[in-house]
Amino acid sequence: MAVREPSFLILAALASERAHGYRVIQEVERLSEGRVKLRAGTLYAALDRLESDGLIELDGQEVVDGRNRRYYVITSQGREALEGEIVRIESNAAAARMQLGLS
């Protein structure tokens, strides 16, 4: 199952620890070396989609400064999807390197 780059990076951001939305935004930006900057609306739409697909799940919430902060974790199905996507991307990159004569 191929996932879009933002969803891939969100799964990667959650692979090592649970995180709330703003932390996911920061981690996605760090992982992508600043290439991907998620807006809140885009993030929460992707989180909802990933949750409904069973790739992540809600792992608690708290109120901080009067705002509800939700924490998410990657599921075992999400880990499998992320690993599969890594293999797919690496395979595509290897094919492209061959086409360019770089390997």
PDB file of N, CA and C in Angstrom:
ATOM      1  N   MET A   1       0.852  -1.185   0.000  1.00  0.00           N
ATOM      2  CA  MET A   1       0.000   0.000   0.000  1.00  0.00           C
ATOM      3  C   MET A   1       0.891   1.239   0.000  1.00  0.00           C
ATOM      4  N   ALA A   2       0.894   1.975  -1.069  1.00  0.00           N
ATOM      5  CA  ALA A   2       1.692   3.196  -1.167  1.00  0.00           C
ATOM      6  C   ALA A   2       1.002   4.321  -0.398  1.00  0.00           C
ATOM      7  N   VAL A   3       1.804   5.128   0.278  1.00  0.00           N
ATOM      8  CA  VAL A   3       1.260   6.269   1.015  1.00  0.00           C
ATOM      9  C   VAL A   3       1.906   7.545   0.490  1.00  0.00           C
ATOM     10  N   ARG A   4       1.211   8.633   0.634  1.00  0.00           N
ATOM     11  CA  ARG A   4       1.756   9.926   0.213  1.00  0.00           C
ATOM     12  C   ARG A   4       2.910  10.320   1.132  1.00  0.00           C
ATOM     13  N   GLU A   5       3.761  11.197   0.619  1.00  0.00           N
ATOM     14  CA  GLU A   5       4.943  11.607   1.390  1.00  0.00           C
ATOM     15  C   GLU A   5       4.595  12.148   2.780  1.00  0.00           C
ATOM     16  N   PRO A   6       3.604  13.033   2.931  1.00  0.00           N
ATOM     17  CA  PRO A   6       3.297  13.504   4.286  1.00  0.00           C
ATOM     18  C   PRO A   6       2.899  12.366   5.234  1.00  0.00           C
ATOM     19  N   SER A   7       2.101  11.417   4.740  1.00  0.00           N
ATOM     20  CA  SER A   7       1.699  10.289   5.586  1.00  0.00           C
ATOM     21  C   SER A   7       2.896   9.409   5.926  1.00  0.00           C
ATOM     22  N   PHE A   8       3.773   9.195   4.960  1.00  0.00           N
ATOM     23  CA  PHE A   8       5.002   8.441   5.200  1.00  0.00           C
ATOM     24  C   PHE A   8       5.816   9.095   6.316  1.00  0.00           C
ATOM     25  N   LEU A   9       5.972  10.409   6.227  1.00  0.00           N
ATOM     26  CA  LEU A   9       6.761  11.129   7.228  1.00  0.00           C
ATOM     27  C   LEU A   9       6.074  11.154   8.590  1.00  0.00           C
ATOM     28  N   ILE A  10       4.749  11.204   8.611  1.00  0.00           N
ATOM     29  CA  ILE A  10       4.019  11.151   9.879  1.00  0.00           C
ATOM     30  C   ILE A  10       4.244   9.794  10.539  1.00  0.00           C
ATOM     31  N   LEU A  11       4.142   8.721   9.755  1.00  0.00           N
ATOM     32  CA  LEU A  11       4.406   7.392  10.305  1.00  0.00           C
ATOM     33  C   LEU A  11       5.845   7.304  10.819  1.00  0.00           C
ATOM     34  N   ALA A  12       6.780   7.847  10.065  1.00  0.00           N
ATOM     35  CA  ALA A  12       8.180   7.843  10.493  1.00  0.00           C
ATOM     36  C   ALA A  12       8.350   8.634  11.791  1.00  0.00           C
ATOM     37  N   ALA A  13       7.656   9.759  11.881  1.00  0.00           N
ATOM     38  CA  ALA A  13       7.742  10.589  13.096  1.00  0.00           C
ATOM     39  C   ALA A  13       7.229   9.841  14.323  1.00  0.00           C
ATOM     40  N   LEU A  14       6.237   8.995  14.123  1.00  0.00           N
ATOM     41  CA  LEU A  14       5.648   8.249  15.242  1.00  0.00           C
ATOM     42  C   LEU A  14       6.330   6.905  15.477  1.00  0.00           C
ATOM     43  N   ALA A  15       7.281   6.538  14.637  1.00  0.00           N
ATOM     44  CA  ALA A  15       7.919   5.226  14.738  1.00  0.00           C
ATOM     45  C   ALA A  15       8.726   5.048  16.017  1.00  0.00           C
ATOM     46  N   SER A  16       9.269   6.125  16.546  1.00  0.00           N
ATOM     47  CA  SER A  16      10.136   5.981  17.722  1.00  0.00           C
ATOM     48  C   SER A  16       9.452   6.346  19.038  1.00  0.00           C
ATOM     49  N   GLU A  17       8.386   7.144  18.976  1.00  0.00           N
ATOM     50  CA  GLU A  17       7.706   7.516  20.218  1.00  0.00           C
ATOM     51  C   GLU A  17       6.337   8.122  19.923  1.00  0.00           C
ATOM     52  N   ARG A  18       5.488   8.089  20.911  1.00  0.00           N
ATOM     53  CA  ARG A  18       4.177   8.727  20.751  1.00  0.00           C
ATOM     54  C   ARG A  18       4.386  10.236  20.704  1.00  0.00           C
ATOM     55  N   ALA A  19       3.469  10.921  20.043  1.00  0.00           N
ATOM     56  CA  ALA A  19       3.623  12.371  19.915  1.00  0.00           C
ATOM     57  C   ALA A  19       2.269  13.029  19.709  1.00  0.00           C
ATOM     58  N   HIS A  20       2.193  14.288  20.089  1.00  0.00           N
ATOM     59  CA  HIS A  20       0.994  15.093  19.833  1.00  0.00           C
ATOM     60  C   HIS A  20       1.210  15.832  18.508  1.00  0.00           C
ATOM     61  N   GLY A  21       0.144  16.456  18.015  1.00  0.00           N
ATOM     62  CA  GLY A  21       0.146  17.061  16.695  1.00  0.00           C
ATOM     63  C   GLY A  21       1.288  18.018  16.426  1.00  0.00           C
ATOM     64  N   TYR A  22       1.521  18.970  17.317  1.00  0.00           N
ATOM     65  CA  TYR A  22       2.574  19.955  17.070  1.00  0.00           C
ATOM     66  C   TYR A  22       3.943  19.279  17.022  1.00  0.00           C
ATOM     67  N   ARG A  23       4.137  18.280  17.871  1.00  0.00           N
ATOM     68  CA  ARG A  23       5.410  17.538  17.874  1.00  0.00           C
ATOM     69  C   ARG A  23       5.581  16.788  16.552  1.00  0.00           C
ATOM     70  N   VAL A  24       4.492  16.229  16.015  1.00  0.00           N
ATOM     71  CA  VAL A  24       4.555  15.539  14.721  1.00  0.00           C
ATOM     72  C   VAL A  24       4.956  16.533  13.631  1.00  0.00           C
ATOM     73  N   ILE A  25       4.361  17.715  13.643  1.00  0.00           N
ATOM     74  CA  ILE A  25       4.710  18.750  12.656  1.00  0.00           C
ATOM     75  C   ILE A  25       6.212  19.055  12.716  1.00  0.00           C
ATOM     76  N   GLN A  26       6.744  19.222  13.915  1.00  0.00           N
ATOM     77  CA  GLN A  26       8.171  19.516  14.082  1.00  0.00           C
ATOM     78  C   GLN A  26       9.044  18.369  13.581  1.00  0.00           C
ATOM     79  N   GLU A  27       8.645  17.149  13.918  1.00  0.00           N
ATOM     80  CA  GLU A  27       9.445  15.975  13.545  1.00  0.00           C
ATOM     81  C   GLU A  27       9.413  15.747  12.030  1.00  0.00           C
ATOM     82  N   VAL A  28       8.270  15.959  11.399  1.00  0.00           N
ATOM     83  CA  VAL A  28       8.171  15.828   9.942  1.00  0.00           C
ATOM     84  C   VAL A  28       9.097  16.841   9.264  1.00  0.00           C
ATOM     85  N   GLU A  29       9.101  18.053   9.763  1.00  0.00           N
ATOM     86  CA  GLU A  29       9.983  19.071   9.188  1.00  0.00           C
ATOM     87  C   GLU A  29      11.453  18.676   9.371  1.00  0.00           C
ATOM     88  N   ARG A  30      11.792  18.145  10.545  1.00  0.00           N
ATOM     89  CA  ARG A  30      13.169  17.715  10.803  1.00  0.00           C
ATOM     90  C   ARG A  30      13.551  16.539   9.905  1.00  0.00           C
ATOM     91  N   LEU A  31      12.684  15.524   9.822  1.00  0.00           N
ATOM     92  CA  LEU A  31      12.977  14.340   9.015  1.00  0.00           C
ATOM     93  C   LEU A  31      13.130  14.671   7.535  1.00  0.00           C
ATOM     94  N   SER A  32      12.348  15.631   7.068  1.00  0.00           N
ATOM     95  CA  SER A  32      12.395  16.005   5.654  1.00  0.00           C
ATOM     96  C   SER A  32      13.422  17.103   5.374  1.00  0.00           C
ATOM     97  N   GLU A  33      14.189  17.458   6.396  1.00  0.00           N
ATOM     98  CA  GLU A  33      15.195  18.520   6.288  1.00  0.00           C
ATOM     99  C   GLU A  33      14.576  19.812   5.779  1.00  0.00           C
ATOM    100  N   GLY A  34      13.348  20.096   6.266  1.00  0.00           N
ATOM    101  CA  GLY A  34      12.669  21.346   5.954  1.00  0.00           C
ATOM    102  C   GLY A  34      11.880  21.348   4.658  1.00  0.00           C
ATOM    103  N   ARG A  35      11.923  20.251   3.894  1.00  0.00           N
ATOM    104  CA  ARG A  35      11.195  20.205   2.621  1.00  0.00           C
ATOM    105  C   ARG A  35       9.691  20.124   2.812  1.00  0.00           C
ATOM    106  N   VAL A  36       9.250  19.456   3.881  1.00  0.00           N
ATOM    107  CA  VAL A  36       7.816  19.279   4.127  1.00  0.00           C
ATOM    108  C   VAL A  36       7.447  20.015   5.410  1.00  0.00           C
ATOM    109  N   LYS A  37       6.558  20.983   5.266  1.00  0.00           N
ATOM    110  CA  LYS A  37       6.061  21.749   6.409  1.00  0.00           C
ATOM    111  C   LYS A  37       4.546  21.589   6.435  1.00  0.00           C
ATOM    112  N   LEU A  38       4.086  20.783   7.369  1.00  0.00           N
ATOM    113  CA  LEU A  38       2.655  20.496   7.457  1.00  0.00           C
ATOM    114  C   LEU A  38       1.915  21.622   8.155  1.00  0.00           C
ATOM    115  N   ARG A  39       0.771  21.960   7.617  1.00  0.00           N
ATOM    116  CA  ARG A  39      -0.140  22.870   8.305  1.00  0.00           C
ATOM    117  C   ARG A  39      -1.064  22.027   9.164  1.00  0.00           C
ATOM    118  N   ALA A  40      -1.639  22.650  10.168  1.00  0.00           N
ATOM    119  CA  ALA A  40      -2.490  21.912  11.104  1.00  0.00           C
ATOM    120  C   ALA A  40      -3.627  21.185  10.397  1.00  0.00           C
ATOM    121  N   GLY A  41      -4.288  21.835   9.459  1.00  0.00           N
ATOM    122  CA  GLY A  41      -5.408  21.205   8.758  1.00  0.00           C
ATOM    123  C   GLY A  41      -4.975  19.972   7.993  1.00  0.00           C
ATOM    124  N   THR A  42      -3.833  20.061   7.316  1.00  0.00           N
ATOM    125  CA  THR A  42      -3.292  18.933   6.570  1.00  0.00           C
ATOM    126  C   THR A  42      -2.906  17.809   7.517  1.00  0.00           C
ATOM    127  N   LEU A  43      -2.261  18.167   8.628  1.00  0.00           N
ATOM    128  CA  LEU A  43      -1.841  17.175   9.604  1.00  0.00           C
ATOM    129  C   LEU A  43      -3.038  16.410  10.147  1.00  0.00           C
ATOM    130  N   TYR A  44      -4.049  17.126  10.620  1.00  0.00           N
ATOM    131  CA  TYR A  44      -5.162  16.438  11.277  1.00  0.00           C
ATOM    132  C   TYR A  44      -5.999  15.635  10.293  1.00  0.00           C
ATOM    133  N   ALA A  45      -6.079  16.055   9.049  1.00  0.00           N
ATOM    134  CA  ALA A  45      -6.754  15.241   8.024  1.00  0.00           C
ATOM    135  C   ALA A  45      -5.967  13.945   7.811  1.00  0.00           C
ATOM    136  N   ALA A  46      -4.641  14.058   7.736  1.00  0.00           N
ATOM    137  CA  ALA A  46      -3.803  12.865   7.551  1.00  0.00           C
ATOM    138  C   ALA A  46      -3.869  11.957   8.774  1.00  0.00           C
ATOM    139  N   LEU A  47      -3.840  12.540   9.980  1.00  0.00           N
ATOM    140  CA  LEU A  47      -3.948  11.728  11.196  1.00  0.00           C
ATOM    141  C   LEU A  47      -5.272  10.977  11.231  1.00  0.00           C
ATOM    142  N   ASP A  48      -6.360  11.653  10.879  1.00  0.00           N
ATOM    143  CA  ASP A  48      -7.676  10.996  10.848  1.00  0.00           C
ATOM    144  C   ASP A  48      -7.666   9.838   9.855  1.00  0.00           C
ATOM    145  N   ARG A  49      -7.094  10.053   8.669  1.00  0.00           N
ATOM    146  CA  ARG A  49      -7.035   9.014   7.640  1.00  0.00           C
ATOM    147  C   ARG A  49      -6.169   7.841   8.105  1.00  0.00           C
ATOM    148  N   LEU A  50      -5.002   8.135   8.661  1.00  0.00           N
ATOM    149  CA  LEU A  50      -4.121   7.077   9.148  1.00  0.00           C
ATOM    150  C   LEU A  50      -4.769   6.297  10.290  1.00  0.00           C
ATOM    151  N   GLU A  51      -5.511   6.999  11.138  1.00  0.00           N
ATOM    152  CA  GLU A  51      -6.198   6.330  12.241  1.00  0.00           C
ATOM    153  C   GLU A  51      -7.313   5.430  11.700  1.00  0.00           C
ATOM    154  N   SER A  52      -8.096   5.917  10.749  1.00  0.00           N
ATOM    155  CA  SER A  52      -9.185   5.105  10.199  1.00  0.00           C
ATOM    156  C   SER A  52      -8.643   3.911   9.413  1.00  0.00           C
ATOM    157  N   ASP A  53      -7.416   4.025   8.879  1.00  0.00           N
ATOM    158  CA  ASP A  53      -6.779   2.908   8.179  1.00  0.00           C
ATOM    159  C   ASP A  53      -6.113   1.931   9.145  1.00  0.00           C
ATOM    160  N   GLY A  54      -6.104   2.248  10.437  1.00  0.00           N
ATOM    161  CA  GLY A  54      -5.513   1.366  11.435  1.00  0.00           C
ATOM    162  C   GLY A  54      -4.003   1.456  11.531  1.00  0.00           C
ATOM    163  N   LEU A  55      -3.413   2.511  10.965  1.00  0.00           N
ATOM    164  CA  LEU A  55      -1.958   2.652  10.962  1.00  0.00           C
ATOM    165  C   LEU A  55      -1.431   3.388  12.187  1.00  0.00           C
ATOM    166  N   ILE A  56      -2.271   4.201  12.795  1.00  0.00           N
ATOM    167  CA  ILE A  56      -1.946   4.871  14.054  1.00  0.00           C
ATOM    168  C   ILE A  56      -3.173   4.790  14.952  1.00  0.00           C
ATOM    169  N   GLU A  57      -2.969   5.095  16.222  1.00  0.00           N
ATOM    170  CA  GLU A  57      -4.116   5.142  17.135  1.00  0.00           C
ATOM    171  C   GLU A  57      -3.897   6.224  18.183  1.00  0.00           C
ATOM    172  N   LEU A  58      -5.000   6.700  18.711  1.00  0.00           N
ATOM    173  CA  LEU A  58      -4.958   7.694  19.776  1.00  0.00           C
ATOM    174  C   LEU A  58      -4.400   7.031  21.027  1.00  0.00           C
ATOM    175  N   ASP A  59      -3.484   7.708  21.710  1.00  0.00           N
ATOM    176  CA  ASP A  59      -2.838   7.150  22.898  1.00  0.00           C
ATOM    177  C   ASP A  59      -2.896   8.148  24.047  1.00  0.00           C
ATOM    178  N   GLY A  60      -4.058   8.720  24.247  1.00  0.00           N
ATOM    179  CA  GLY A  60      -4.256   9.631  25.363  1.00  0.00           C
ATOM    180  C   GLY A  60      -4.380  11.070  24.920  1.00  0.00           C
ATOM    181  N   GLN A  61      -4.895  11.870  25.842  1.00  0.00           N
ATOM    182  CA  GLN A  61      -5.028  13.298  25.596  1.00  0.00           C
ATOM    183  C   GLN A  61      -4.965  14.038  26.917  1.00  0.00           C
ATOM    184  N   GLU A  62      -4.615  15.298  26.825  1.00  0.00           N
ATOM    185  CA  GLU A  62      -4.542  16.158  27.998  1.00  0.00           C
ATOM    186  C   GLU A  62      -4.847  17.585  27.570  1.00  0.00           C
ATOM    187  N   VAL A  63      -5.188  18.406  28.530  1.00  0.00           N
ATOM    188  CA  VAL A  63      -5.435  19.812  28.246  1.00  0.00           C
ATOM    189  C   VAL A  63      -4.196  20.597  28.664  1.00  0.00           C
ATOM    190  N   VAL A  64      -3.645  21.353  27.711  1.00  0.00           N
ATOM    191  CA  VAL A  64      -2.462  22.179  27.960  1.00  0.00           C
ATOM    192  C   VAL A  64      -2.794  23.589  27.504  1.00  0.00           C
ATOM    193  N   ASP A  65      -2.675  24.531  28.414  1.00  0.00           N
ATOM    194  CA  ASP A  65      -2.998  25.934  28.111  1.00  0.00           C
ATOM    195  C   ASP A  65      -4.393  26.080  27.514  1.00  0.00           C
ATOM    196  N   GLY A  66      -5.326  25.314  28.041  1.00  0.00           N
ATOM    197  CA  GLY A  66      -6.715  25.402  27.605  1.00  0.00           C
ATOM    198  C   GLY A  66      -7.016  24.715  26.287  1.00  0.00           C
ATOM    199  N   ARG A  67      -6.036  24.025  25.729  1.00  0.00           N
ATOM    200  CA  ARG A  67      -6.231  23.334  24.447  1.00  0.00           C
ATOM    201  C   ARG A  67      -6.067  21.838  24.647  1.00  0.00           C
ATOM    202  N   ASN A  68      -6.888  21.088  23.929  1.00  0.00           N
ATOM    203  CA  ASN A  68      -6.820  19.638  24.003  1.00  0.00           C
ATOM    204  C   ASN A  68      -5.640  19.130  23.172  1.00  0.00           C
ATOM    205  N   ARG A  69      -4.759  18.380  23.788  1.00  0.00           N
ATOM    206  CA  ARG A  69      -3.586  17.834  23.108  1.00  0.00           C
ATOM    207  C   ARG A  69      -3.774  16.322  23.014  1.00  0.00           C
ATOM    208  N   ARG A  70      -3.857  15.812  21.789  1.00  0.00           N
ATOM    209  CA  ARG A  70      -4.010  14.376  21.562  1.00  0.00           C
ATOM    210  C   ARG A  70      -2.658  13.763  21.226  1.00  0.00           C
ATOM    211  N   TYR A  71      -2.414  12.597  21.773  1.00  0.00           N
ATOM    212  CA  TYR A  71      -1.185  11.863  21.511  1.00  0.00           C
ATOM    213  C   TYR A  71      -1.493  10.654  20.630  1.00  0.00           C
ATOM    214  N   TYR A  72      -0.618  10.399  19.676  1.00  0.00           N
ATOM    215  CA  TYR A  72      -0.789   9.298  18.738  1.00  0.00           C
ATOM    216  C   TYR A  72       0.412   8.368  18.802  1.00  0.00           C
ATOM    217  N   VAL A  73       0.163   7.088  18.490  1.00  0.00           N
ATOM    218  CA  VAL A  73       1.228   6.089  18.363  1.00  0.00           C
ATOM    219  C   VAL A  73       1.008   5.310  17.074  1.00  0.00           C
ATOM    220  N   ILE A  74       2.092   4.792  16.548  1.00  0.00           N
ATOM    221  CA  ILE A  74       1.998   3.940  15.368  1.00  0.00           C
ATOM    222  C   ILE A  74       1.567   2.549  15.828  1.00  0.00           C
ATOM    223  N   THR A  75       0.766   1.875  15.042  1.00  0.00           N
ATOM    224  CA  THR A  75       0.324   0.512  15.344  1.00  0.00           C
ATOM    225  C   THR A  75       1.268  -0.486  14.668  1.00  0.00           C
ATOM    226  N   SER A  76       1.104  -1.763  14.976  1.00  0.00           N
ATOM    227  CA  SER A  76       1.923  -2.777  14.301  1.00  0.00           C
ATOM    228  C   SER A  76       1.620  -2.778  12.802  1.00  0.00           C
ATOM    229  N   GLN A  77       0.374  -2.556  12.439  1.00  0.00           N
ATOM    230  CA  GLN A  77       0.009  -2.454  11.021  1.00  0.00           C
ATOM    231  C   GLN A  77       0.676  -1.229  10.391  1.00  0.00           C
ATOM    232  N   GLY A  78       0.777  -0.148  11.150  1.00  0.00           N
ATOM    233  CA  GLY A  78       1.451   1.051  10.668  1.00  0.00           C
ATOM    234  C   GLY A  78       2.929   0.818  10.464  1.00  0.00           C
ATOM    235  N   ARG A  79       3.556   0.084  11.379  1.00  0.00           N
ATOM    236  CA  ARG A  79       4.976  -0.256  11.228  1.00  0.00           C
ATOM    237  C   ARG A  79       5.205  -1.089   9.976  1.00  0.00           C
ATOM    238  N   GLU A  80       4.327  -2.060   9.751  1.00  0.00           N
ATOM    239  CA  GLU A  80       4.435  -2.895   8.548  1.00  0.00           C
ATOM    240  C   GLU A  80       4.286  -2.049   7.283  1.00  0.00           C
ATOM    241  N   ALA A  81       3.333  -1.131   7.297  1.00  0.00           N
ATOM    242  CA  ALA A  81       3.125  -0.255   6.138  1.00  0.00           C
ATOM    243  C   ALA A  81       4.339   0.633   5.911  1.00  0.00           C
ATOM    244  N   LEU A  82       4.907   1.172   6.992  1.00  0.00           N
ATOM    245  CA  LEU A  82       6.095   2.023   6.870  1.00  0.00           C
ATOM    246  C   LEU A  82       7.270   1.227   6.327  1.00  0.00           C
ATOM    247  N   GLU A  83       7.482   0.022   6.857  1.00  0.00           N
ATOM    248  CA  GLU A  83       8.575  -0.821   6.370  1.00  0.00           C
ATOM    249  C   GLU A  83       8.379  -1.157   4.889  1.00  0.00           C
ATOM    250  N   GLY A  84       7.161  -1.477   4.493  1.00  0.00           N
ATOM    251  CA  GLY A  84       6.875  -1.781   3.092  1.00  0.00           C
ATOM    252  C   GLY A  84       7.138  -0.590   2.187  1.00  0.00           C
ATOM    253  N   GLU A  85       6.775   0.590   2.671  1.00  0.00           N
ATOM    254  CA  GLU A  85       6.990   1.811   1.889  1.00  0.00           C
ATOM    255  C   GLU A  85       8.482   2.112   1.752  1.00  0.00           C
ATOM    256  N   ILE A  86       9.252   1.847   2.800  1.00  0.00           N
ATOM    257  CA  ILE A  86      10.706   2.037   2.736  1.00  0.00           C
ATOM    258  C   ILE A  86      11.300   1.142   1.652  1.00  0.00           C
ATOM    259  N   VAL A  87      10.885  -0.127   1.627  1.00  0.00           N
ATOM    260  CA  VAL A  87      11.380  -1.068   0.614  1.00  0.00           C
ATOM    261  C   VAL A  87      11.003  -0.588  -0.781  1.00  0.00           C
ATOM    262  N   ARG A  88       9.758  -0.128  -0.956  1.00  0.00           N
ATOM    263  CA  ARG A  88       9.292   0.342  -2.256  1.00  0.00           C
ATOM    264  C   ARG A  88      10.102   1.552  -2.727  1.00  0.00           C
ATOM    265  N   ILE A  89      10.309   2.520  -1.828  1.00  0.00           N
ATOM    266  CA  ILE A  89      11.060   3.734  -2.171  1.00  0.00           C
ATOM    267  C   ILE A  89      12.507   3.393  -2.516  1.00  0.00           C
ATOM    268  N   GLU A  90      13.129   2.519  -1.709  1.00  0.00           N
ATOM    269  CA  GLU A  90      14.509   2.133  -1.979  1.00  0.00           C
ATOM    270  C   GLU A  90      14.629   1.411  -3.317  1.00  0.00           C
ATOM    271  N   SER A  91      13.667   0.567  -3.640  1.00  0.00           N
ATOM    272  CA  SER A  91      13.666  -0.152  -4.910  1.00  0.00           C
ATOM    273  C   SER A  91      13.527   0.822  -6.080  1.00  0.00           C
ATOM    274  N   ASN A  92      12.613   1.781  -5.954  1.00  0.00           N
ATOM    275  CA  ASN A  92      12.440   2.790  -7.005  1.00  0.00           C
ATOM    276  C   ASN A  92      13.697   3.634  -7.174  1.00  0.00           C
ATOM    277  N   ALA A  93      14.336   3.988  -6.059  1.00  0.00           N
ATOM    278  CA  ALA A  93      15.564   4.788  -6.128  1.00  0.00           C
ATOM    279  C   ALA A  93      16.679   4.002  -6.800  1.00  0.00           C
ATOM    280  N   ALA A  94      16.786   2.712  -6.501  1.00  0.00           N
ATOM    281  CA  ALA A  94      17.813   1.877  -7.128  1.00  0.00           C
ATOM    282  C   ALA A  94      17.580   1.784  -8.633  1.00  0.00           C
ATOM    283  N   ALA A  95      16.331   1.622  -9.041  1.00  0.00           N
ATOM    284  CA  ALA A  95      16.009   1.572 -10.474  1.00  0.00           C
ATOM    285  C   ALA A  95      16.348   2.894 -11.159  1.00  0.00           C
ATOM    286  N   ALA A  96      16.045   3.995 -10.521  1.00  0.00           N
ATOM    287  CA  ALA A  96      16.354   5.299 -11.097  1.00  0.00           C
ATOM    288  C   ALA A  96      17.866   5.511 -11.191  1.00  0.00           C
ATOM    289  N   ARG A  97      18.606   5.083 -10.162  1.00  0.00           N
ATOM    290  CA  ARG A  97      20.076   5.195 -10.189  1.00  0.00           C
ATOM    291  C   ARG A  97      20.646   4.402 -11.365  1.00  0.00           C
ATOM    292  N   MET A  98      20.098   3.209 -11.586  1.00  0.00           N
ATOM    293  CA  MET A  98      20.555   2.384 -12.703  1.00  0.00           C
ATOM    294  C   MET A  98      20.282   3.075 -14.038  1.00  0.00           C
ATOM    295  N   GLN A  99      19.101   3.640 -14.165  1.00  0.00           N
ATOM    296  CA  GLN A  99      18.726   4.327 -15.406  1.00  0.00           C
ATOM    297  C   GLN A  99      19.667   5.503 -15.683  1.00  0.00           C
ATOM    298  N   LEU A 100      20.114   6.150 -14.626  1.00  0.00           N
ATOM    299  CA  LEU A 100      21.017   7.301 -14.772  1.00  0.00           C
ATOM    300  C   LEU A 100      22.480   6.872 -14.867  1.00  0.00           C
ATOM    301  N   GLY A 101      22.735   5.586 -14.689  1.00  0.00           N
ATOM    302  CA  GLY A 101      24.105   5.097 -14.731  1.00  0.00           C
ATOM    303  C   GLY A 101      24.903   5.456 -13.494  1.00  0.00           C
ATOM    304  N   LEU A 102      24.212   5.611 -12.376  1.00  0.00           N
ATOM    305  CA  LEU A 102      24.883   6.024 -11.138  1.00  0.00           C
ATOM    306  C   LEU A 102      25.276   4.850 -10.247  1.00  0.00           C
ATOM    307  N   SER A 103      24.845   3.650 -10.588  1.00  0.00           N
ATOM    308  CA  SER A 103      25.178   2.550  -9.673  1.00  0.00           C
ATOM    309  C   SER A 103      26.208   1.620 -10.239  1.00  0.00           C
TER     310      SER A 103
END
